[in-house]
Amino acid sequence: MTRVVGQPTVSLREPPWNQAPMLVFRNEIRTQLNHRSAIHNAIQTGCDPMVCVAQDFCKGKPVEEPTLLKKL
């Protein structure tokens, strides 16, 4: 708890906090933060966000196992 920001007036929308790295322990949270950041940046720049799906390979063969795909 020594690394928790204790000031209730801190806004993550204002400097220097809007440039601070975020440390999270779950991939779901990281993914949501990345999605929100991508949408925010797209709105600011007037661009449409684009999603590119990767094909993962293991030993030269595409990964098709549903359980493993969910983890990737």
Protein backbone atom coordinates (compact mmCIF):
# COMPACT_ATOMS: atom_id res chain seq x y z
CA MET A 1 0.00 0.00 0.00
CA THR A 2 3.01 2.34 0.09
CA ARG A 3 2.70 2.93 -3.66
CA VAL A 4 -0.96 3.94 -3.64
CA VAL A 5 -1.58 7.59 -4.44
CA GLY A 6 -3.23 8.94 -1.31
CA GLN A 7 -4.40 12.28 -2.62
CA PRO A 8 -8.12 12.20 -3.49
CA THR A 9 -7.67 15.31 -5.68
CA VAL A 10 -5.33 13.58 -8.15
CA SER A 11 -6.81 13.46 -11.65
CA LEU A 12 -5.51 10.94 -14.16
CA ARG A 13 -6.59 13.38 -16.89
CA GLU A 14 -4.07 16.06 -15.88
CA PRO A 15 -0.25 16.24 -15.95
CA PRO A 16 1.84 14.64 -14.65
CA TRP A 17 -0.56 11.77 -13.92
CA ASN A 18 -1.90 11.50 -17.47
CA GLN A 19 1.62 10.51 -18.61
CA ALA A 20 2.37 8.10 -15.75
CA PRO A 21 2.71 4.38 -16.53
CA MET A 22 -0.02 2.14 -15.16
CA LEU A 23 0.91 -1.12 -13.48
CA VAL A 24 -1.81 -3.77 -13.40
CA PHE A 25 -1.76 -7.42 -12.40
CA ARG A 26 -4.47 -8.76 -14.70
CA ASN A 27 -4.48 -8.99 -18.47
CA GLU A 28 -8.18 -8.07 -18.58
CA ILE A 29 -7.48 -4.72 -16.93
CA ARG A 30 -4.49 -4.08 -19.20
CA THR A 31 -6.61 -4.85 -22.25
CA GLN A 32 -9.40 -2.50 -21.13
CA LEU A 33 -6.90 0.31 -20.44
CA ASN A 34 -5.32 -0.21 -23.87
CA HIS A 35 -8.73 -0.16 -25.59
CA ARG A 36 -9.76 3.04 -23.84
CA SER A 37 -6.43 4.66 -24.65
CA ALA A 38 -6.67 3.66 -28.31
CA ILE A 39 -10.20 5.05 -28.60
CA HIS A 40 -9.20 8.26 -26.81
CA ASN A 41 -6.19 8.76 -29.11
CA ALA A 42 -8.31 8.02 -32.20
CA ILE A 43 -10.83 10.67 -31.16
CA GLN A 44 -8.08 13.23 -30.47
CA THR A 45 -6.40 12.65 -33.83
CA GLY A 46 -9.62 12.29 -35.83
CA CYS A 47 -8.65 8.79 -36.99
CA ASP A 48 -10.67 5.59 -36.96
CA PRO A 49 -9.27 2.88 -34.68
CA MET A 50 -8.27 -0.34 -36.44
CA VAL A 51 -8.12 -3.85 -34.97
CA CYS A 52 -5.58 -6.28 -36.43
CA VAL A 53 -5.97 -9.89 -35.33
CA ALA A 54 -2.77 -11.91 -35.10
CA GLN A 55 -2.36 -15.58 -36.00
CA ASP A 56 -0.24 -17.28 -33.35
CA PHE A 57 2.07 -20.14 -34.30
CA CYS A 58 3.70 -22.88 -32.22
CA LYS A 59 6.48 -24.94 -33.81
CA GLY A 60 5.52 -23.62 -37.24
CA LYS A 61 1.83 -24.57 -37.00
CA PRO A 62 -1.12 -22.25 -36.32
CA VAL A 63 -2.49 -22.44 -32.77
CA GLU A 64 -6.07 -23.72 -32.99
CA GLU A 65 -6.69 -25.11 -29.49
CA PRO A 66 -9.64 -23.04 -28.10
CA THR A 67 -8.35 -23.03 -24.50
CA LEU A 68 -4.90 -21.86 -25.59
CA LEU A 69 -6.35 -19.25 -27.97
CA LYS A 70 -8.35 -17.79 -25.09
CA LYS A 71 -5.15 -17.43 -23.02
CA LEU A 72 -3.26 -15.81 -25.91
